[in-house]
Amino acid sequence: MLGGISIWQLLIVLGIIILVFGTKKLRNVGTDLGGAVKGFKKAMHDEEKNKEDEKADVDQPHAKVGHVEPGNTYDVRAEEKRAADVHAADGRPADPNEERK
């Protein structure tokens, strides 16, 4: 075969690699590579699951928020004006803080 690699050439290269690095080192490399591939597959699966969850969240309506305003509000300016009018009628100077005490 011209330009091709035969099975015997691959076996010779594999034998040289085993002699140089040793079986323990190659086993560790294989374990690390397998763990990396497994982690990559898990991350890809988790990302697809997150996209599906986000799509499901978009399809569902969000909770409604209501705003109920209490019926008894306190208008400070109106109270000050009323106090000023009452004191003006009495002839005394108006004290805006007097009504709040």
C-alpha atoms as a PDB file:
ATOM      1  CA  MET A   1       0.000   0.000   0.000  1.00  0.00           C
ATOM      2  CA  LEU A   2       1.369   3.273  -1.022  1.00  0.00           C
ATOM      3  CA  GLY A   3       0.615   6.083   1.530  1.00  0.00           C
ATOM      4  CA  GLY A   4      -1.552   3.848   3.700  1.00  0.00           C
ATOM      5  CA  ILE A   5      -0.798   2.524   7.180  1.00  0.00           C
ATOM      6  CA  SER A   6      -1.101  -1.224   7.611  1.00  0.00           C
ATOM      7  CA  ILE A   7      -2.179  -3.005  10.786  1.00  0.00           C
ATOM      8  CA  TRP A   8       1.407  -4.154  11.424  1.00  0.00           C
ATOM      9  CA  GLN A   9       2.675  -0.556  11.397  1.00  0.00           C
ATOM     10  CA  LEU A  10      -0.048   0.473  13.868  1.00  0.00           C
ATOM     11  CA  LEU A  11       0.871  -2.428  16.196  1.00  0.00           C
ATOM     12  CA  ILE A  12       4.554  -1.448  16.104  1.00  0.00           C
ATOM     13  CA  VAL A  13       3.730   2.201  16.934  1.00  0.00           C
ATOM     14  CA  LEU A  14       1.422   1.060  19.762  1.00  0.00           C
ATOM     15  CA  GLY A  15       4.180  -1.190  21.144  1.00  0.00           C
ATOM     16  CA  ILE A  16       6.663   1.686  21.152  1.00  0.00           C
ATOM     17  CA  ILE A  17       4.161   3.961  22.936  1.00  0.00           C
ATOM     18  CA  ILE A  18       3.572   1.301  25.610  1.00  0.00           C
ATOM     19  CA  LEU A  19       7.334   0.890  26.114  1.00  0.00           C
ATOM     20  CA  VAL A  20       7.882   4.656  26.432  1.00  0.00           C
ATOM     21  CA  PHE A  21       4.954   5.615  28.655  1.00  0.00           C
ATOM     22  CA  GLY A  22       4.082   2.360  30.422  1.00  0.00           C
ATOM     23  CA  THR A  23       0.677   0.775  30.901  1.00  0.00           C
ATOM     24  CA  LYS A  24      -0.163   2.642  34.128  1.00  0.00           C
ATOM     25  CA  LYS A  25       0.339   6.049  32.547  1.00  0.00           C
ATOM     26  CA  LEU A  26      -1.715   5.040  29.503  1.00  0.00           C
ATOM     27  CA  ARG A  27      -4.485   3.735  31.771  1.00  0.00           C
ATOM     28  CA  ASN A  28      -4.575   7.099  33.602  1.00  0.00           C
ATOM     29  CA  VAL A  29      -4.694   8.985  30.312  1.00  0.00           C
ATOM     30  CA  GLY A  30      -7.548   6.750  29.116  1.00  0.00           C
ATOM     31  CA  THR A  31      -9.457   7.275  32.368  1.00  0.00           C
ATOM     32  CA  ASP A  32      -9.008  11.047  32.173  1.00  0.00           C
ATOM     33  CA  LEU A  33     -10.053  11.127  28.535  1.00  0.00           C
ATOM     34  CA  GLY A  34     -13.129   8.986  29.269  1.00  0.00           C
ATOM     35  CA  GLY A  35     -14.085  11.265  32.187  1.00  0.00           C
ATOM     36  CA  ALA A  36     -13.724  14.334  29.997  1.00  0.00           C
ATOM     37  CA  VAL A  37     -15.950  12.851  27.278  1.00  0.00           C
ATOM     38  CA  LYS A  38     -18.531  11.809  29.888  1.00  0.00           C
ATOM     39  CA  GLY A  39     -18.522  15.308  31.429  1.00  0.00           C
ATOM     40  CA  PHE A  40     -18.905  16.890  27.996  1.00  0.00           C
ATOM     41  CA  LYS A  41     -21.894  14.683  27.161  1.00  0.00           C
ATOM     42  CA  LYS A  42     -23.504  15.475  30.533  1.00  0.00           C
ATOM     43  CA  ALA A  43     -23.000  19.223  30.030  1.00  0.00           C
ATOM     44  CA  MET A  44     -24.544  19.066  26.563  1.00  0.00           C
ATOM     45  CA  HIS A  45     -27.525  17.103  27.915  1.00  0.00           C
ATOM     46  CA  ASP A  46     -27.993  19.570  30.789  1.00  0.00           C
ATOM     47  CA  GLU A  47     -27.877  22.524  28.396  1.00  0.00           C
ATOM     48  CA  GLU A  48     -30.551  20.962  26.170  1.00  0.00           C
ATOM     49  CA  LYS A  49     -32.683  20.277  29.245  1.00  0.00           C
ATOM     50  CA  ASN A  50     -32.297  23.906  30.409  1.00  0.00           C
ATOM     51  CA  LYS A  51     -33.368  25.170  26.981  1.00  0.00           C
ATOM     52  CA  GLU A  52     -36.460  22.950  27.114  1.00  0.00           C
ATOM     53  CA  ASP A  53     -37.274  24.200  30.628  1.00  0.00           C
ATOM     54  CA  GLU A  54     -36.898  27.842  29.536  1.00  0.00           C
ATOM     55  CA  LYS A  55     -39.153  27.215  26.558  1.00  0.00           C
ATOM     56  CA  ALA A  56     -41.758  25.635  28.835  1.00  0.00           C
ATOM     57  CA  ASP A  57     -41.532  28.627  31.200  1.00  0.00           C
ATOM     58  CA  VAL A  58     -42.124  31.054  28.326  1.00  0.00           C
ATOM     59  CA  ASP A  59     -45.232  29.163  27.234  1.00  0.00           C
ATOM     60  CA  GLN A  60     -46.837  29.314  30.674  1.00  0.00           C
ATOM     61  CA  PRO A  61     -48.383  32.581  31.902  1.00  0.00           C
ATOM     62  CA  HIS A  62     -46.766  34.307  34.826  1.00  0.00           C
ATOM     63  CA  ALA A  63     -48.576  34.953  38.095  1.00  0.00           C
ATOM     64  CA  LYS A  64     -50.821  37.999  38.193  1.00  0.00           C
ATOM     65  CA  VAL A  65     -49.982  40.715  40.666  1.00  0.00           C
ATOM     66  CA  GLY A  66     -52.794  42.861  41.993  1.00  0.00           C
ATOM     67  CA  HIS A  67     -52.474  46.227  43.651  1.00  0.00           C
ATOM     68  CA  VAL A  68     -55.082  47.103  46.209  1.00  0.00           C
ATOM     69  CA  GLU A  69     -54.928  50.642  47.490  1.00  0.00           C
ATOM     70  CA  PRO A  70     -56.268  51.276  50.980  1.00  0.00           C
ATOM     71  CA  GLY A  71     -59.236  53.587  51.237  1.00  0.00           C
ATOM     72  CA  ASN A  72     -57.837  55.742  54.031  1.00  0.00           C
ATOM     73  CA  THR A  73     -54.973  57.906  52.809  1.00  0.00           C
ATOM     74  CA  TYR A  74     -53.522  60.880  54.612  1.00  0.00           C
ATOM     75  CA  ASP A  75     -52.931  64.109  52.712  1.00  0.00           C
ATOM     76  CA  VAL A  76     -50.447  66.226  54.665  1.00  0.00           C
ATOM     77  CA  ARG A  77     -50.842  69.332  52.529  1.00  0.00           C
ATOM     78  CA  ALA A  78     -54.611  69.331  52.894  1.00  0.00           C
ATOM     79  CA  GLU A  79     -54.254  68.996  56.687  1.00  0.00           C
ATOM     80  CA  GLU A  80     -51.773  71.893  56.809  1.00  0.00           C
ATOM     81  CA  LYS A  81     -54.051  74.058  54.702  1.00  0.00           C
ATOM     82  CA  ARG A  82     -57.060  73.213  56.871  1.00  0.00           C
ATOM     83  CA  ALA A  83     -55.073  73.972  60.046  1.00  0.00           C
ATOM     84  CA  ALA A  84     -53.939  77.285  58.554  1.00  0.00           C
ATOM     85  CA  ASP A  85     -57.524  78.168  57.672  1.00  0.00           C
ATOM     86  CA  VAL A  86     -58.761  77.286  61.175  1.00  0.00           C
ATOM     87  CA  HIS A  87     -56.038  79.333  62.858  1.00  0.00           C
ATOM     88  CA  ALA A  88     -56.575  82.224  60.460  1.00  0.00           C
ATOM     89  CA  ALA A  89     -60.217  82.263  61.476  1.00  0.00           C
ATOM     90  CA  ASP A  90     -59.214  82.275  65.175  1.00  0.00           C
ATOM     91  CA  GLY A  91     -56.630  84.970  64.595  1.00  0.00           C
ATOM     92  CA  ARG A  92     -53.732  82.817  65.849  1.00  0.00           C
ATOM     93  CA  PRO A  93     -50.621  82.011  63.749  1.00  0.00           C
ATOM     94  CA  ALA A  94     -50.797  78.562  62.152  1.00  0.00           C
ATOM     95  CA  ASP A  95     -48.509  75.783  63.374  1.00  0.00           C
ATOM     96  CA  PRO A  96     -48.464  73.008  60.749  1.00  0.00           C
ATOM     97  CA  ASN A  97     -47.126  70.416  63.228  1.00  0.00           C
ATOM     98  CA  GLU A  98     -49.911  71.053  65.745  1.00  0.00           C
ATOM     99  CA  GLU A  99     -52.434  68.880  63.906  1.00  0.00           C
ATOM    100  CA  ARG A 100     -50.082  65.853  63.804  1.00  0.00           C
ATOM    101  CA  LYS A 101     -49.427  65.746  67.577  1.00  0.00           C
END
